[in-house]
Amino acid sequence: MGKKEKIIVGISIGDLNGIGSEVVLKTFEDARMLDFCTPILFASVKLMSFYKKQYGLEINFHGIDKPEDALHKKINVLNVWKENVEVHFGKEDPDAGAYAIKSLKAAVAALKTEKIDVLVTAPIHKSNVQSVTFNFPGHTDYLAKELKGDSLMLMISDELKVGLLTDHVPVKEVSNNITPEVIQKKINTIYQTLIQDFGVIKPKIAVLGINPHTGDNGVIGKEDDEVLRPTLEDIRKTGKLVYGPYSADSFFGSGNYKNFDAIIASYHDQGLVPFKTLAFGKGVNYTAGLNRIRTSPDHGTAFEVAGQNKANEESFKEAVFAALSIYKKREEYQKYASNPLKKNSKKRESKKK
């Protein structure tokens, strides 16, 4: 490919019977997207040509067999497989899930070896993809195994960032999974993420309580008083601006979330219900805390509208832009972190002038 001109975005195609293909292709039907990045779709030219015809899109593909063959200003399709694949829109099918995982594994392998710069994943169906070789609740858990770092599901939009202490955990097991060690690790991850990936110099983080009304002094559970509060107090002693725990029922409706750079919810629905209510269609799921960058749209496979040319691609497009932005911010942070005197010397030079 020669000298890199643009950020290379690897894209896993998601469940073949869902809306992933539609939102991916509609995103890149807009030729202006190729001014910002070079996409590589991990699937097959045969499959993508089928989708192109299905949705009546005016786009062309450049078929490749390895990432190094990708061309800028082209929609590159890396042939992860060559055989014909049957697509049954809206159907839960383990075969469709198996191809989704083939695409994901090939894209992650390219990400690990820096053949692509960032990864954007189309939605998978969590039950379709389960197999002997893939036994994870979702993308986040798989990426945590394959990549380095402490992963954290972080939902992001222009005005809101919501992280989770526990993600794909049954409600009855939530409190058992929230320990001082987990709280410390998750807050440290989101704190560092805000600095290196979003350019926040001194992050302010709000933490939501585990129980209704944060336990009401132990009347509705003791976890907030015995685990969450003392751990947050210990973290505050290190100088981090961490506040809470806040009662979750009024936190978003009151607009209090606008006073913080990020909010940490105790469990999945406590954080994602308000996030998707406030930001649905514009939100992005970012796997924070890892040594590589992965984003995805804030929606699922949407089998109910798959193949009908009704899917909205805005969230996927936002996921691409978020990945590009985070990549640039992290590059900038790492440049200065590796040479902290460089920034100070520039300041001194400007003062002399």
Protein backbone atom coordinates (compact mmCIF):
# COMPACT_ATOMS: atom_id res chain seq x y z
CA MET A 1 0.00 0.00 0.00
CA GLY A 2 3.02 2.27 0.36
CA LYS A 3 3.13 5.21 2.71
CA LYS A 4 0.02 5.40 4.89
CA GLU A 5 -2.11 8.36 3.93
CA LYS A 6 -5.22 7.72 6.01
CA ILE A 7 -6.29 5.79 9.08
CA ILE A 8 -7.14 2.23 8.09
CA VAL A 9 -10.49 1.14 9.52
CA GLY A 10 -11.15 -2.58 9.77
CA ILE A 11 -14.81 -3.55 9.81
CA SER A 12 -16.25 -6.88 10.95
CA ILE A 13 -19.52 -7.52 9.15
CA GLY A 14 -21.64 -8.78 12.06
CA ASP A 15 -24.54 -11.22 11.83
CA LEU A 16 -25.21 -11.91 8.17
CA ASN A 17 -28.98 -11.93 8.70
CA GLY A 18 -29.09 -8.61 10.57
CA ILE A 19 -28.72 -4.96 9.58
CA GLY A 20 -24.93 -4.83 9.91
CA SER A 21 -24.28 -5.09 6.19
CA GLU A 22 -26.85 -2.39 5.46
CA VAL A 23 -25.48 0.21 7.89
CA VAL A 24 -21.89 -0.51 6.81
CA LEU A 25 -22.58 -0.10 3.11
CA LYS A 26 -24.85 2.92 3.54
CA THR A 27 -22.09 4.56 5.59
CA PHE A 28 -19.55 4.17 2.79
CA GLU A 29 -21.96 4.85 -0.05
CA ASP A 30 -21.20 8.45 0.91
CA ALA A 31 -17.92 8.87 -0.99
CA ARG A 32 -16.84 11.66 1.36
CA MET A 33 -16.16 9.01 4.02
CA LEU A 34 -13.16 7.89 1.95
CA ASP A 35 -11.61 11.33 2.50
CA PHE A 36 -11.36 10.52 6.21
CA CYS A 37 -10.29 6.88 6.23
CA THR A 38 -9.55 3.73 4.26
CA PRO A 39 -12.05 0.95 5.06
CA ILE A 40 -11.37 -2.78 4.92
CA LEU A 41 -14.49 -4.95 5.20
CA PHE A 42 -13.73 -8.45 6.50
CA ALA A 43 -16.18 -10.69 4.63
CA SER A 44 -16.17 -11.66 0.94
CA VAL A 45 -16.73 -9.80 -2.32
CA LYS A 46 -19.49 -12.27 -3.26
CA LEU A 47 -21.38 -11.55 -0.05
CA MET A 48 -20.98 -7.79 -0.23
CA SER A 49 -22.10 -7.79 -3.86
CA PHE A 50 -25.26 -9.60 -2.79
CA TYR A 51 -25.93 -6.93 -0.16
CA LYS A 52 -25.18 -4.14 -2.63
CA LYS A 53 -27.85 -5.52 -4.98
CA GLN A 54 -30.29 -6.11 -2.10
CA TYR A 55 -30.14 -2.46 -1.05
CA GLY A 56 -29.78 -0.96 -4.53
CA LEU A 57 -26.60 0.89 -3.65
CA GLU A 58 -24.26 2.63 -6.08
CA ILE A 59 -20.89 1.48 -4.75
CA ASN A 60 -17.91 -0.50 -5.99
CA PHE A 61 -15.61 -2.87 -4.13
CA HIS A 62 -11.91 -3.55 -4.34
CA GLY A 63 -11.36 -7.21 -3.48
CA ILE A 64 -8.18 -8.12 -1.57
CA ASP A 65 -6.71 -11.20 0.09
CA LYS A 66 -4.55 -9.44 2.68
CA PRO A 67 -4.75 -6.02 4.37
CA GLU A 68 -1.52 -4.82 2.75
CA ASP A 69 -3.27 -4.84 -0.64
CA ALA A 70 -5.88 -2.26 0.39
CA LEU A 71 -6.10 0.91 -1.70
CA HIS A 72 -6.97 4.38 -0.48
CA LYS A 73 -10.15 5.97 -1.87
CA LYS A 74 -11.59 2.45 -2.30
CA ILE A 75 -14.02 0.29 -0.32
CA ASN A 76 -11.75 -2.67 0.25
CA VAL A 77 -13.25 -6.11 0.89
CA LEU A 78 -10.89 -8.70 2.32
CA ASN A 79 -11.99 -12.20 1.33
CA VAL A 80 -12.10 -14.06 4.64
CA TRP A 81 -13.92 -16.84 2.77
CA LYS A 82 -14.55 -17.54 -0.91
CA GLU A 83 -17.61 -19.80 -0.87
CA ASN A 84 -21.17 -18.65 -1.46
CA VAL A 85 -23.11 -17.99 1.74
CA GLU A 86 -26.89 -18.06 2.06
CA VAL A 87 -28.49 -15.07 3.76
CA HIS A 88 -31.90 -15.34 5.44
CA PHE A 89 -32.72 -11.87 6.70
CA GLY A 90 -34.28 -11.73 10.15
CA LYS A 91 -33.58 -15.36 10.98
CA GLU A 92 -31.59 -16.51 14.00
CA ASP A 93 -29.13 -18.89 12.38
CA PRO A 94 -25.94 -20.35 13.91
CA ASP A 95 -24.38 -20.50 10.44
CA ALA A 96 -24.79 -16.75 10.05
CA GLY A 97 -23.29 -16.34 13.51
CA ALA A 98 -20.32 -18.54 12.58
CA TYR A 99 -19.49 -16.34 9.60
CA ALA A 100 -19.83 -13.26 11.81
CA ILE A 101 -17.16 -14.72 14.10
CA LYS A 102 -14.91 -15.61 11.14
CA SER A 103 -15.09 -11.97 10.13
CA LEU A 104 -14.45 -10.77 13.68
CA LYS A 105 -11.48 -13.07 14.30
CA ALA A 106 -9.83 -12.08 11.02
CA ALA A 107 -10.33 -8.38 11.80
CA VAL A 108 -8.99 -8.74 15.34
CA ALA A 109 -5.93 -10.60 14.05
CA ALA A 110 -5.26 -7.68 11.69
CA LEU A 111 -5.78 -5.24 14.55
CA LYS A 112 -3.32 -7.08 16.81
CA THR A 113 -0.64 -7.04 14.12
CA GLU A 114 -1.33 -3.37 13.23
CA LYS A 115 -2.42 -4.20 9.69
CA ILE A 116 -5.43 -2.04 10.49
CA ASP A 117 -5.40 0.97 12.82
CA VAL A 118 -8.85 0.69 14.40
CA LEU A 119 -11.73 -1.79 14.44
CA VAL A 120 -15.43 -0.99 14.02
CA THR A 121 -17.74 -3.95 14.59
CA ALA A 122 -21.21 -4.44 13.17
CA PRO A 123 -23.68 -6.09 15.59
CA ILE A 124 -23.62 -9.79 16.36
CA HIS A 125 -26.41 -11.88 17.86
CA LYS A 126 -25.12 -13.17 21.17
CA SER A 127 -26.79 -16.58 21.09
CA ASN A 128 -26.07 -17.23 17.38
CA VAL A 129 -22.32 -16.91 17.82
CA GLN A 130 -21.83 -19.34 20.70
CA SER A 131 -19.65 -22.32 19.83
CA VAL A 132 -16.79 -24.44 21.13
CA THR A 133 -14.30 -21.86 19.84
CA PHE A 134 -16.28 -18.75 20.78
CA ASN A 135 -17.90 -18.72 24.19
CA PHE A 136 -18.24 -15.03 25.11
CA PRO A 137 -21.26 -12.86 25.96
CA GLY A 138 -20.20 -10.36 23.31
CA HIS A 139 -17.47 -8.39 21.58
CA THR A 140 -16.14 -6.74 24.75
CA ASP A 141 -15.32 -9.99 26.53
CA TYR A 142 -13.66 -11.48 23.46
CA LEU A 143 -11.54 -8.38 22.89
CA ALA A 144 -10.54 -8.36 26.56
CA LYS A 145 -9.05 -11.83 26.02
CA GLU A 146 -7.35 -11.06 22.71
CA LEU A 147 -5.94 -7.61 23.47
CA LYS A 148 -3.88 -6.08 26.27
CA GLY A 149 -5.31 -3.90 29.04
CA ASP A 150 -8.37 -3.73 31.30
CA SER A 151 -11.49 -3.52 29.13
CA LEU A 152 -14.47 -1.38 30.01
CA MET A 153 -17.70 -0.90 28.06
CA LEU A 154 -18.02 2.85 27.56
CA MET A 155 -21.03 4.30 25.76
CA ILE A 156 -20.17 7.66 24.23
CA SER A 157 -21.92 10.53 22.47
CA ASP A 158 -21.11 14.21 22.08
CA GLU A 159 -22.66 15.06 25.44
CA LEU A 160 -22.56 11.85 27.46
CA LYS A 161 -20.18 9.05 28.41
CA VAL A 162 -21.42 6.12 30.48
CA GLY A 163 -19.23 3.28 31.71
CA LEU A 164 -20.21 0.13 33.62
CA LEU A 165 -18.89 -1.59 36.73
CA THR A 166 -20.51 -4.80 35.47
CA ASP A 167 -21.69 -5.35 31.90
CA HIS A 168 -23.22 -8.64 30.71
CA VAL A 169 -23.93 -9.99 34.19
CA PRO A 170 -27.33 -11.29 35.41
CA VAL A 171 -28.98 -8.82 37.78
CA LYS A 172 -28.96 -11.33 40.66
CA GLU A 173 -25.14 -11.48 40.45
CA VAL A 174 -24.44 -7.75 40.12
CA SER A 175 -23.70 -6.96 43.77
CA ASN A 176 -21.40 -9.99 44.13
CA ASN A 177 -19.36 -8.76 41.17
CA ILE A 178 -18.88 -5.25 42.54
CA THR A 179 -15.84 -5.44 44.81
CA PRO A 180 -13.38 -2.73 45.90
CA GLU A 181 -10.88 -4.16 43.41
CA VAL A 182 -13.39 -3.96 40.52
CA ILE A 183 -14.39 -0.41 41.45
CA GLN A 184 -10.76 0.71 41.63
CA LYS A 185 -9.87 -0.92 38.33
CA LYS A 186 -12.87 0.42 36.41
CA ILE A 187 -12.48 3.97 37.70
CA ASN A 188 -8.75 3.93 36.93
CA THR A 189 -9.53 2.70 33.41
CA ILE A 190 -12.14 5.34 32.68
CA TYR A 191 -9.98 8.05 34.26
CA GLN A 192 -7.01 7.21 32.02
CA THR A 193 -9.32 6.80 29.01
CA LEU A 194 -10.73 10.30 29.44
CA ILE A 195 -7.21 11.72 29.53
CA GLN A 196 -5.56 9.81 26.68
CA ASP A 197 -8.49 9.15 24.35
CA PHE A 198 -10.64 12.26 24.85
CA GLY A 199 -8.17 14.92 25.91
CA VAL A 200 -9.79 15.67 29.29
CA ILE A 201 -7.05 17.11 31.49
CA LYS A 202 -8.69 16.66 34.91
CA PRO A 203 -11.63 14.25 34.58
CA LYS A 204 -14.71 14.55 36.77
CA ILE A 205 -16.46 11.21 37.23
CA ALA A 206 -19.84 10.47 38.81
CA VAL A 207 -20.65 7.01 40.18
CA LEU A 208 -24.22 5.73 40.49
CA GLY A 209 -25.32 3.69 43.50
CA ILE A 210 -25.86 -0.04 43.46
CA ASN A 211 -29.24 -0.06 45.24
CA PRO A 212 -32.31 2.19 44.93
CA HIS A 213 -31.63 5.51 46.71
CA THR A 214 -28.07 4.21 47.27
CA GLY A 215 -29.46 1.90 49.94
CA ASP A 216 -31.20 4.51 52.12
CA ASN A 217 -28.68 4.07 54.96
CA GLY A 218 -28.85 0.30 54.73
CA VAL A 219 -32.65 -0.02 54.58
CA ILE A 220 -32.50 -1.11 50.90
CA GLY A 221 -29.22 -3.00 50.91
CA LYS A 222 -25.84 -2.45 52.51
CA GLU A 223 -23.57 -2.65 49.47
CA ASP A 224 -23.43 1.11 48.90
CA ASP A 225 -22.39 1.83 52.50
CA GLU A 226 -20.09 -1.14 52.98
CA VAL A 227 -18.42 -1.40 49.56
CA LEU A 228 -19.02 1.56 47.24
CA ARG A 229 -18.74 4.59 49.54
CA PRO A 230 -15.53 3.59 51.34
CA THR A 231 -13.87 2.62 48.04
CA LEU A 232 -14.77 5.94 46.45
CA GLU A 233 -13.39 7.72 49.50
CA ASP A 234 -10.10 5.86 49.11
CA ILE A 235 -9.96 6.83 45.44
CA ARG A 236 -10.64 10.49 46.23
CA LYS A 237 -7.61 10.47 48.55
CA THR A 238 -5.43 9.85 45.49
CA GLY A 239 -6.57 13.16 44.01
CA LYS A 240 -9.06 11.85 41.47
CA LEU A 241 -12.27 13.86 41.13
CA VAL A 242 -14.72 11.03 41.72
CA TYR A 243 -18.17 11.83 43.12
CA GLY A 244 -21.06 9.77 44.45
CA PRO A 245 -22.64 7.39 44.84
CA TYR A 246 -25.67 9.13 43.36
CA SER A 247 -29.21 7.80 43.33
CA ALA A 248 -29.68 6.61 39.76
CA ASP A 249 -33.42 7.29 39.46
CA SER A 250 -33.11 11.09 39.30
CA PHE A 251 -29.55 11.54 38.12
CA PHE A 252 -30.24 11.78 34.38
CA GLY A 253 -33.69 13.38 34.52
CA SER A 254 -32.33 16.22 36.63
CA GLY A 255 -29.60 16.92 34.10
CA ASN A 256 -26.89 16.30 36.70
CA TYR A 257 -24.99 14.15 34.20
CA LYS A 258 -24.02 17.35 32.33
CA ASN A 259 -21.72 18.30 35.22
CA PHE A 260 -19.39 15.34 34.66
CA ASP A 261 -17.02 14.05 32.00
CA ALA A 262 -18.25 10.49 32.54
CA ILE A 263 -20.72 8.50 34.61
CA ILE A 264 -20.13 4.99 35.92
CA ALA A 265 -23.23 2.86 36.37
CA SER A 266 -23.31 -0.26 38.53
CA TYR A 267 -24.93 -2.54 35.96
CA HIS A 268 -25.97 -2.77 32.33
CA ASP A 269 -29.51 -1.38 32.25
CA GLN A 270 -28.86 1.26 34.91
CA GLY A 271 -26.45 2.91 32.50
CA LEU A 272 -27.61 1.90 29.04
CA VAL A 273 -31.32 2.67 29.40
CA PRO A 274 -30.75 6.39 30.07
CA PHE A 275 -27.88 6.53 27.58
CA LYS A 276 -29.93 5.08 24.75
CA THR A 277 -32.90 7.24 25.68
CA LEU A 278 -30.79 10.39 25.46
CA ALA A 279 -28.44 9.45 22.61
CA PHE A 280 -30.01 6.61 20.60
CA GLY A 281 -28.98 6.69 16.96
CA LYS A 282 -26.02 8.93 17.75
CA GLY A 283 -24.39 6.80 20.42
CA VAL A 284 -21.29 4.63 20.13
CA ASN A 285 -20.09 1.63 22.12
CA TYR A 286 -16.36 2.01 22.80
CA THR A 287 -14.25 -0.73 24.38
CA ALA A 288 -12.04 1.45 26.55
CA GLY A 289 -8.89 0.45 28.39
CA LEU A 290 -7.30 -1.73 25.70
CA ASN A 291 -4.13 -1.26 23.67
CA ARG A 292 -6.16 -1.14 20.45
CA ILE A 293 -9.25 0.86 19.50
CA ARG A 294 -12.64 -0.73 18.86
CA THR A 295 -16.02 0.96 18.48
CA SER A 296 -19.48 -0.19 17.39
CA PRO A 297 -22.96 1.29 16.92
CA ASP A 298 -25.29 1.50 19.91
CA HIS A 299 -27.87 -0.91 18.44
CA GLY A 300 -28.18 -4.63 17.81
CA THR A 301 -28.90 -6.84 14.81
CA ALA A 302 -32.50 -5.52 14.45
CA PHE A 303 -33.77 -8.69 12.78
CA GLU A 304 -37.26 -7.18 12.58
CA VAL A 305 -36.17 -4.75 9.83
CA ALA A 306 -33.22 -6.65 8.33
CA GLY A 307 -33.13 -6.75 4.54
CA GLN A 308 -35.90 -4.16 4.21
CA ASN A 309 -33.69 -1.14 3.45
CA LYS A 310 -35.03 0.62 6.55
CA ALA A 311 -31.96 0.67 8.82
CA ASN A 312 -30.47 4.00 9.84
CA GLU A 313 -26.69 4.10 9.44
CA GLU A 314 -26.05 7.18 11.63
CA SER A 315 -24.86 5.26 14.70
CA PHE A 316 -22.44 3.18 12.62
CA LYS A 317 -21.13 6.32 10.94
CA GLU A 318 -20.66 7.88 14.38
CA ALA A 319 -18.76 4.74 15.43
CA VAL A 320 -16.36 5.23 12.53
CA PHE A 321 -15.83 8.90 13.35
CA ALA A 322 -15.36 8.09 17.05
CA ALA A 323 -12.68 5.50 16.22
CA LEU A 324 -10.85 8.02 14.04
CA SER A 325 -11.04 10.74 16.69
CA ILE A 326 -9.86 8.45 19.50
CA TYR A 327 -6.98 7.17 17.35
CA LYS A 328 -5.76 10.73 16.73
CA LYS A 329 -6.17 11.75 20.39
CA ARG A 330 -4.29 8.68 21.59
CA GLU A 331 -1.48 9.27 19.08
CA GLU A 332 -1.14 12.84 20.33
CA TYR A 333 -1.18 11.74 23.97
CA GLN A 334 1.43 9.04 23.40
CA LYS A 335 3.68 11.48 21.56
CA TYR A 336 3.74 13.85 24.52
CA ALA A 337 3.79 11.09 27.14
CA SER A 338 6.91 9.60 25.54
CA ASN A 339 8.61 13.01 25.57
CA PRO A 340 7.09 15.14 28.35
CA LEU A 341 9.84 17.78 27.98
CA LYS A 342 8.76 18.48 24.40
CA LYS A 343 5.56 20.22 25.45
CA ASN A 344 7.33 22.25 28.15
CA SER A 345 10.08 23.34 25.75
CA LYS A 346 7.47 24.57 23.29
CA LYS A 347 5.85 26.61 26.06
CA ARG A 348 9.22 28.18 26.96
CA GLU A 349 9.95 29.02 23.33
CA SER A 350 6.57 30.72 22.95
CA LYS A 351 7.24 32.80 26.08
CA LYS A 352 10.62 33.98 24.72
CA LYS A 353 8.93 35.20 21.58
